[in-house]
């Protein structure tokens, strides 16, 4: 399974996702895709097998992965203080990968029905959902 984690800004949420995924299963391949250098570096320090940075890296890697994880902001053009370009949002949305998104108020977008859990609890729930989905795909 090819897992991609996308983050921007300082990369702390992406780094937390990478760390929790690798702690659960060290053999899973995780690619950390940073919108900027700092996000990529944070995910690499947290155990990402490979990292890449920028719009083109995200566009290329989003095509060939099984899962994409990040906050809801990665799917919304101009979010994360403008770091998510329309091309990044489109590439992620068009990907056939299963997207597991953490609700995070970063773009004046309210996700109705999202829980009122803490960010850390939502990260844990995202990792649980990833491994659940991976098991389901292997069962097919």
N, C-alpha and C. Protein backbone atom coordinates (compact mmCIF):
# COMPACT_ATOMS: atom_id res chain seq x y z
N UNK A 1 0.83 -1.18 0.00
CA UNK A 1 0.00 0.00 0.00
C UNK A 1 0.88 1.25 0.00
N UNK A 2 0.51 2.18 -0.81
CA UNK A 2 1.25 3.44 -0.93
C UNK A 2 0.45 4.54 -0.24
N UNK A 3 0.99 5.04 0.86
CA UNK A 3 0.30 6.04 1.68
C UNK A 3 0.99 7.38 1.52
N UNK A 4 0.21 8.40 1.25
CA UNK A 4 0.72 9.76 1.11
C UNK A 4 0.11 10.62 2.22
N UNK A 5 0.96 11.38 2.89
CA UNK A 5 0.51 12.36 3.87
C UNK A 5 0.88 13.73 3.31
N UNK A 6 -0.10 14.62 3.24
CA UNK A 6 0.12 15.97 2.68
C UNK A 6 -0.06 16.99 3.80
N UNK A 7 0.88 17.92 3.88
CA UNK A 7 0.76 18.99 4.88
C UNK A 7 1.51 20.22 4.39
N UNK A 8 1.22 21.32 5.03
CA UNK A 8 1.88 22.59 4.73
C UNK A 8 2.27 23.27 6.02
N UNK A 9 2.45 24.58 5.94
CA UNK A 9 2.82 25.39 7.10
C UNK A 9 4.03 24.75 7.78
N UNK A 10 3.96 24.44 9.06
CA UNK A 10 5.10 23.85 9.77
C UNK A 10 5.14 22.35 9.71
N UNK A 11 4.07 21.71 9.22
CA UNK A 11 4.05 20.26 9.04
C UNK A 11 3.78 19.45 10.29
N UNK A 12 3.33 20.08 11.36
CA UNK A 12 3.16 19.33 12.61
C UNK A 12 2.06 18.27 12.54
N UNK A 13 0.97 18.56 11.85
CA UNK A 13 -0.10 17.56 11.73
C UNK A 13 0.37 16.41 10.86
N UNK A 14 1.00 16.70 9.74
CA UNK A 14 1.53 15.65 8.88
C UNK A 14 2.57 14.81 9.61
N UNK A 15 3.42 15.45 10.38
CA UNK A 15 4.44 14.74 11.14
C UNK A 15 3.80 13.81 12.16
N UNK A 16 2.76 14.27 12.81
CA UNK A 16 2.06 13.44 13.79
C UNK A 16 1.41 12.23 13.11
N UNK A 17 0.80 12.46 11.94
CA UNK A 17 0.22 11.34 11.19
C UNK A 17 1.28 10.32 10.81
N UNK A 18 2.39 10.79 10.25
CA UNK A 18 3.47 9.88 9.84
C UNK A 18 3.96 9.07 11.03
N UNK A 19 4.22 9.74 12.14
CA UNK A 19 4.73 9.06 13.33
C UNK A 19 3.77 7.99 13.83
N UNK A 20 2.49 8.30 13.87
CA UNK A 20 1.50 7.33 14.37
C UNK A 20 1.33 6.15 13.40
N UNK A 21 1.39 6.42 12.10
CA UNK A 21 1.30 5.34 11.12
C UNK A 21 2.50 4.41 11.26
N UNK A 22 3.70 4.98 11.31
CA UNK A 22 4.92 4.17 11.41
C UNK A 22 5.00 3.43 12.74
N UNK A 23 4.49 4.04 13.82
CA UNK A 23 4.48 3.34 15.11
C UNK A 23 3.55 2.14 15.08
N UNK A 24 2.49 2.24 14.31
CA UNK A 24 1.53 1.14 14.19
C UNK A 24 2.08 0.02 13.31
N UNK A 25 2.80 0.39 12.24
CA UNK A 25 3.33 -0.62 11.31
C UNK A 25 4.54 -0.03 10.58
N UNK A 26 5.72 -0.42 11.02
CA UNK A 26 6.96 0.14 10.45
C UNK A 26 7.17 -0.23 8.98
N UNK A 27 6.57 -1.31 8.53
CA UNK A 27 6.80 -1.76 7.15
C UNK A 27 5.95 -1.04 6.12
N UNK A 28 4.97 -0.27 6.55
CA UNK A 28 4.12 0.48 5.64
C UNK A 28 4.93 1.62 5.02
N UNK A 29 4.83 1.77 3.71
CA UNK A 29 5.54 2.85 3.03
C UNK A 29 4.74 4.14 3.13
N UNK A 30 5.36 5.17 3.70
CA UNK A 30 4.70 6.47 3.86
C UNK A 30 5.52 7.53 3.14
N UNK A 31 4.84 8.25 2.27
CA UNK A 31 5.45 9.36 1.54
C UNK A 31 4.91 10.66 2.11
N UNK A 32 5.79 11.49 2.64
CA UNK A 32 5.38 12.79 3.16
C UNK A 32 5.53 13.85 2.09
N UNK A 33 4.42 14.45 1.70
CA UNK A 33 4.45 15.49 0.67
C UNK A 33 4.17 16.84 1.32
N UNK A 34 5.18 17.67 1.31
CA UNK A 34 5.05 18.98 1.92
C UNK A 34 4.77 20.04 0.88
N UNK A 35 3.89 20.95 1.22
CA UNK A 35 3.64 22.09 0.36
C UNK A 35 4.87 23.00 0.40
N UNK A 36 5.61 22.92 1.51
CA UNK A 36 6.84 23.71 1.64
C UNK A 36 7.91 22.85 2.29
N UNK A 37 9.12 23.38 2.30
CA UNK A 37 10.28 22.67 2.85
C UNK A 37 10.10 22.28 4.32
N UNK A 38 9.54 23.18 5.13
CA UNK A 38 9.40 22.92 6.56
C UNK A 38 8.47 21.75 6.83
N UNK A 39 7.38 21.66 6.07
CA UNK A 39 6.44 20.55 6.24
C UNK A 39 7.10 19.24 5.83
N UNK A 40 7.82 19.24 4.72
CA UNK A 40 8.52 18.02 4.28
C UNK A 40 9.55 17.59 5.30
N UNK A 41 10.32 18.53 5.80
CA UNK A 41 11.36 18.22 6.79
C UNK A 41 10.75 17.63 8.06
N UNK A 42 9.64 18.19 8.53
CA UNK A 42 8.98 17.68 9.74
C UNK A 42 8.51 16.24 9.53
N UNK A 43 7.95 15.95 8.36
CA UNK A 43 7.48 14.58 8.09
C UNK A 43 8.65 13.61 7.96
N UNK A 44 9.76 14.05 7.39
CA UNK A 44 10.95 13.20 7.28
C UNK A 44 11.47 12.86 8.67
N UNK A 45 11.54 13.85 9.55
CA UNK A 45 12.01 13.63 10.93
C UNK A 45 11.09 12.66 11.67
N UNK A 46 9.82 12.63 11.30
CA UNK A 46 8.85 11.76 11.98
C UNK A 46 8.82 10.35 11.42
N UNK A 47 9.62 10.09 10.39
CA UNK A 47 9.74 8.72 9.90
C UNK A 47 9.23 8.44 8.51
N UNK A 48 8.85 9.47 7.75
CA UNK A 48 8.42 9.23 6.37
C UNK A 48 9.54 8.55 5.60
N UNK A 49 9.19 7.56 4.81
CA UNK A 49 10.20 6.83 4.04
C UNK A 49 10.81 7.73 2.97
N UNK A 50 9.97 8.51 2.33
CA UNK A 50 10.44 9.49 1.36
C UNK A 50 9.65 10.77 1.55
N UNK A 51 10.24 11.86 1.15
CA UNK A 51 9.52 13.12 1.18
C UNK A 51 9.77 13.85 -0.13
N UNK A 52 8.86 14.70 -0.47
CA UNK A 52 9.01 15.56 -1.64
C UNK A 52 8.28 16.86 -1.32
N UNK A 53 8.65 17.89 -2.03
CA UNK A 53 8.13 19.22 -1.71
C UNK A 53 7.59 19.91 -2.95
N UNK A 54 6.45 20.55 -2.79
CA UNK A 54 5.94 21.44 -3.81
C UNK A 54 4.79 20.90 -4.63
N UNK A 55 4.27 21.81 -5.43
CA UNK A 55 3.08 21.53 -6.23
C UNK A 55 3.26 20.34 -7.17
N UNK A 56 4.34 20.32 -7.93
CA UNK A 56 4.53 19.25 -8.89
C UNK A 56 4.71 17.89 -8.21
N UNK A 57 5.45 17.86 -7.10
CA UNK A 57 5.64 16.61 -6.37
C UNK A 57 4.30 16.06 -5.88
N UNK A 58 3.43 16.93 -5.43
CA UNK A 58 2.11 16.50 -4.96
C UNK A 58 1.28 15.99 -6.13
N UNK A 59 1.30 16.72 -7.24
CA UNK A 59 0.53 16.30 -8.42
C UNK A 59 0.98 14.92 -8.91
N UNK A 60 2.28 14.69 -8.98
CA UNK A 60 2.82 13.42 -9.48
C UNK A 60 2.48 12.27 -8.54
N UNK A 61 2.72 12.46 -7.25
CA UNK A 61 2.52 11.38 -6.29
C UNK A 61 1.07 11.09 -5.97
N UNK A 62 0.20 12.06 -6.12
CA UNK A 62 -1.23 11.84 -5.84
C UNK A 62 -1.84 10.87 -6.84
N UNK A 63 -1.28 10.77 -8.03
CA UNK A 63 -1.84 9.89 -9.06
C UNK A 63 -1.67 8.41 -8.73
N UNK A 64 -0.59 8.07 -8.05
CA UNK A 64 -0.21 6.66 -7.91
C UNK A 64 -0.23 6.16 -6.47
N UNK A 65 -1.08 6.71 -5.65
CA UNK A 65 -1.10 6.25 -4.26
C UNK A 65 -2.45 5.60 -3.95
N UNK A 66 -2.46 4.88 -2.85
CA UNK A 66 -3.69 4.20 -2.41
C UNK A 66 -4.48 5.03 -1.41
N UNK A 67 -3.77 5.81 -0.58
CA UNK A 67 -4.40 6.61 0.46
C UNK A 67 -3.75 7.98 0.52
N UNK A 68 -4.57 9.00 0.76
CA UNK A 68 -4.09 10.36 0.99
C UNK A 68 -4.64 10.79 2.34
N UNK A 69 -3.75 11.24 3.22
CA UNK A 69 -4.16 11.72 4.54
C UNK A 69 -3.71 13.16 4.72
N UNK A 70 -4.51 13.92 5.43
CA UNK A 70 -4.20 15.30 5.75
C UNK A 70 -5.42 15.96 6.36
N UNK A 71 -5.35 17.26 6.49
CA UNK A 71 -6.51 17.99 7.01
C UNK A 71 -7.46 18.30 5.85
N UNK A 72 -8.66 18.72 6.18
CA UNK A 72 -9.62 19.09 5.15
C UNK A 72 -9.06 20.21 4.27
N UNK A 73 -8.20 21.02 4.81
CA UNK A 73 -7.64 22.14 4.06
C UNK A 73 -6.85 21.75 2.83
N UNK A 74 -6.30 20.53 2.78
CA UNK A 74 -5.50 20.15 1.61
C UNK A 74 -6.35 20.00 0.35
N UNK A 75 -7.66 19.89 0.54
CA UNK A 75 -8.56 19.71 -0.60
C UNK A 75 -9.23 21.01 -1.04
N UNK A 76 -8.89 22.12 -0.36
CA UNK A 76 -9.56 23.39 -0.63
C UNK A 76 -8.55 24.39 -1.18
N UNK A 77 -8.77 24.80 -2.41
CA UNK A 77 -7.86 25.75 -3.05
C UNK A 77 -7.70 27.01 -2.21
N UNK A 78 -6.50 27.48 -2.11
CA UNK A 78 -6.11 28.70 -1.41
C UNK A 78 -6.18 28.60 0.11
N UNK A 79 -6.37 27.40 0.64
CA UNK A 79 -6.39 27.25 2.10
C UNK A 79 -4.96 27.17 2.62
N UNK A 80 -4.82 26.94 3.90
CA UNK A 80 -3.53 26.93 4.60
C UNK A 80 -2.76 28.21 4.29
N UNK A 81 -3.44 29.31 4.49
CA UNK A 81 -2.86 30.63 4.26
C UNK A 81 -2.39 30.81 2.82
N UNK A 82 -3.07 30.16 1.88
CA UNK A 82 -2.75 30.29 0.47
C UNK A 82 -1.76 29.26 -0.04
N UNK A 83 -1.31 28.36 0.82
CA UNK A 83 -0.31 27.37 0.38
C UNK A 83 -0.89 26.30 -0.54
N UNK A 84 -2.17 26.02 -0.43
CA UNK A 84 -2.77 25.00 -1.29
C UNK A 84 -3.24 25.69 -2.57
N UNK A 85 -2.50 25.50 -3.62
CA UNK A 85 -2.85 26.11 -4.90
C UNK A 85 -4.05 25.38 -5.50
N UNK A 86 -4.76 26.02 -6.42
CA UNK A 86 -5.85 25.31 -7.10
C UNK A 86 -5.37 24.02 -7.78
N UNK A 87 -4.15 24.00 -8.28
CA UNK A 87 -3.62 22.79 -8.93
C UNK A 87 -3.40 21.67 -7.93
N UNK A 88 -2.94 22.00 -6.73
CA UNK A 88 -2.77 20.97 -5.69
C UNK A 88 -4.13 20.41 -5.29
N UNK A 89 -5.09 21.29 -5.00
CA UNK A 89 -6.43 20.84 -4.60
C UNK A 89 -7.05 19.95 -5.68
N UNK A 90 -6.90 20.34 -6.93
CA UNK A 90 -7.46 19.57 -8.04
C UNK A 90 -6.79 18.20 -8.15
N UNK A 91 -5.46 18.17 -8.06
CA UNK A 91 -4.74 16.90 -8.17
C UNK A 91 -5.14 15.94 -7.06
N UNK A 92 -5.29 16.44 -5.85
CA UNK A 92 -5.69 15.58 -4.74
C UNK A 92 -7.13 15.11 -4.92
N UNK A 93 -8.01 16.00 -5.34
CA UNK A 93 -9.41 15.63 -5.54
C UNK A 93 -9.59 14.62 -6.65
N UNK A 94 -8.80 14.75 -7.72
CA UNK A 94 -8.92 13.84 -8.87
C UNK A 94 -8.30 12.47 -8.62
N UNK A 95 -7.46 12.36 -7.62
CA UNK A 95 -6.80 11.09 -7.33
C UNK A 95 -7.83 10.01 -7.01
N UNK A 96 -7.57 8.81 -7.48
CA UNK A 96 -8.43 7.67 -7.16
C UNK A 96 -8.18 7.13 -5.75
N UNK A 97 -7.20 7.67 -5.07
CA UNK A 97 -6.86 7.21 -3.72
C UNK A 97 -8.02 7.47 -2.76
N UNK A 98 -8.09 6.65 -1.73
CA UNK A 98 -9.02 6.90 -0.63
C UNK A 98 -8.46 8.06 0.17
N UNK A 99 -9.28 9.07 0.40
CA UNK A 99 -8.85 10.24 1.17
C UNK A 99 -9.37 10.14 2.59
N UNK A 100 -8.48 10.30 3.55
CA UNK A 100 -8.84 10.30 4.96
C UNK A 100 -8.45 11.67 5.48
N UNK A 101 -9.47 12.49 5.76
CA UNK A 101 -9.23 13.89 6.09
C UNK A 101 -9.62 14.21 7.53
N UNK A 102 -8.80 15.02 8.16
CA UNK A 102 -9.04 15.45 9.53
C UNK A 102 -9.69 16.82 9.50
N UNK A 103 -10.85 16.97 10.13
CA UNK A 103 -11.47 18.30 10.15
C UNK A 103 -10.58 19.27 10.91
N UNK A 104 -10.30 20.38 10.27
CA UNK A 104 -9.42 21.38 10.89
C UNK A 104 -9.80 22.73 10.34
N UNK A 105 -10.14 23.65 11.20
CA UNK A 105 -10.61 24.97 10.79
C UNK A 105 -9.44 25.83 10.35
N UNK A 106 -9.13 25.75 9.07
CA UNK A 106 -7.98 26.52 8.57
C UNK A 106 -8.33 27.31 7.33
N UNK A 107 -9.55 27.25 6.90
CA UNK A 107 -9.87 27.92 5.64
C UNK A 107 -11.28 28.49 5.62
N UNK A 108 -11.79 28.86 6.78
CA UNK A 108 -13.16 29.39 6.87
C UNK A 108 -14.17 28.43 6.27
N UNK A 109 -13.92 27.15 6.41
CA UNK A 109 -14.82 26.11 5.94
C UNK A 109 -15.27 25.30 7.14
N UNK A 110 -16.56 25.15 7.28
CA UNK A 110 -17.11 24.39 8.39
C UNK A 110 -17.63 23.07 7.85
N UNK A 111 -17.15 21.98 8.41
CA UNK A 111 -17.58 20.65 8.00
C UNK A 111 -18.68 20.22 8.97
N UNK A 112 -19.91 20.22 8.51
CA UNK A 112 -21.04 19.82 9.34
C UNK A 112 -20.97 18.31 9.56
N UNK A 113 -21.20 17.92 10.77
CA UNK A 113 -21.16 16.50 11.09
C UNK A 113 -19.81 16.04 11.60
N UNK A 114 -18.81 16.90 11.48
CA UNK A 114 -17.52 16.51 12.04
C UNK A 114 -17.60 16.57 13.55
N UNK A 115 -16.82 15.74 14.19
CA UNK A 115 -16.92 15.64 15.64
C UNK A 115 -16.26 16.83 16.32
N UNK A 116 -16.55 16.94 17.58
CA UNK A 116 -15.92 18.00 18.36
C UNK A 116 -14.73 17.45 19.15
N UNK A 117 -14.09 16.45 18.60
CA UNK A 117 -12.92 15.85 19.23
C UNK A 117 -11.73 16.79 19.10
N UNK A 118 -10.72 16.55 19.92
CA UNK A 118 -9.50 17.34 19.84
C UNK A 118 -8.73 16.96 18.57
N UNK A 119 -7.81 17.80 18.18
CA UNK A 119 -6.98 17.51 17.01
C UNK A 119 -6.26 16.17 17.18
N UNK A 120 -5.71 15.93 18.35
CA UNK A 120 -4.98 14.68 18.60
C UNK A 120 -5.90 13.47 18.48
N UNK A 121 -7.13 13.58 19.01
CA UNK A 121 -8.09 12.48 18.88
C UNK A 121 -8.46 12.25 17.42
N UNK A 122 -8.61 13.32 16.65
CA UNK A 122 -8.94 13.17 15.23
C UNK A 122 -7.78 12.56 14.45
N UNK A 123 -6.55 12.88 14.81
CA UNK A 123 -5.39 12.25 14.17
C UNK A 123 -5.41 10.76 14.46
N UNK A 124 -5.66 10.39 15.71
CA UNK A 124 -5.74 8.96 16.08
C UNK A 124 -6.86 8.27 15.29
N UNK A 125 -8.00 8.94 15.16
CA UNK A 125 -9.13 8.35 14.41
C UNK A 125 -8.76 8.18 12.94
N UNK A 126 -8.02 9.13 12.38
CA UNK A 126 -7.61 9.02 10.98
C UNK A 126 -6.69 7.83 10.78
N UNK A 127 -5.76 7.62 11.68
CA UNK A 127 -4.84 6.48 11.57
C UNK A 127 -5.60 5.17 11.75
N UNK A 128 -6.55 5.12 12.69
CA UNK A 128 -7.39 3.93 12.85
C UNK A 128 -8.15 3.64 11.56
N UNK A 129 -8.72 4.67 10.95
CA UNK A 129 -9.49 4.51 9.70
C UNK A 129 -8.58 4.03 8.57
N UNK A 130 -7.35 4.54 8.51
CA UNK A 130 -6.40 4.11 7.49
C UNK A 130 -6.16 2.61 7.59
N UNK A 131 -5.84 2.12 8.76
CA UNK A 131 -5.55 0.69 8.90
C UNK A 131 -6.79 -0.17 8.68
N UNK A 132 -7.96 0.32 9.05
CA UNK A 132 -9.23 -0.36 8.75
C UNK A 132 -9.41 -0.48 7.25
N UNK A 133 -9.21 0.61 6.53
CA UNK A 133 -9.36 0.62 5.07
C UNK A 133 -8.30 -0.25 4.40
N UNK A 134 -7.09 -0.23 4.92
CA UNK A 134 -6.03 -1.09 4.36
C UNK A 134 -6.41 -2.56 4.50
N UNK A 135 -6.94 -2.93 5.65
CA UNK A 135 -7.37 -4.32 5.87
C UNK A 135 -8.50 -4.70 4.92
N UNK A 136 -9.42 -3.77 4.68
CA UNK A 136 -10.52 -4.03 3.76
C UNK A 136 -10.01 -4.21 2.33
N UNK A 137 -9.04 -3.42 1.91
CA UNK A 137 -8.50 -3.55 0.56
C UNK A 137 -7.75 -4.85 0.37
N UNK A 138 -7.05 -5.28 1.42
CA UNK A 138 -6.31 -6.55 1.34
C UNK A 138 -7.27 -7.73 1.27
N UNK A 139 -8.45 -7.59 1.89
CA UNK A 139 -9.43 -8.66 1.91
C UNK A 139 -10.11 -8.87 0.57
N UNK A 140 -10.04 -7.86 -0.29
CA UNK A 140 -10.74 -7.98 -1.60
C UNK A 140 -10.07 -8.97 -2.51
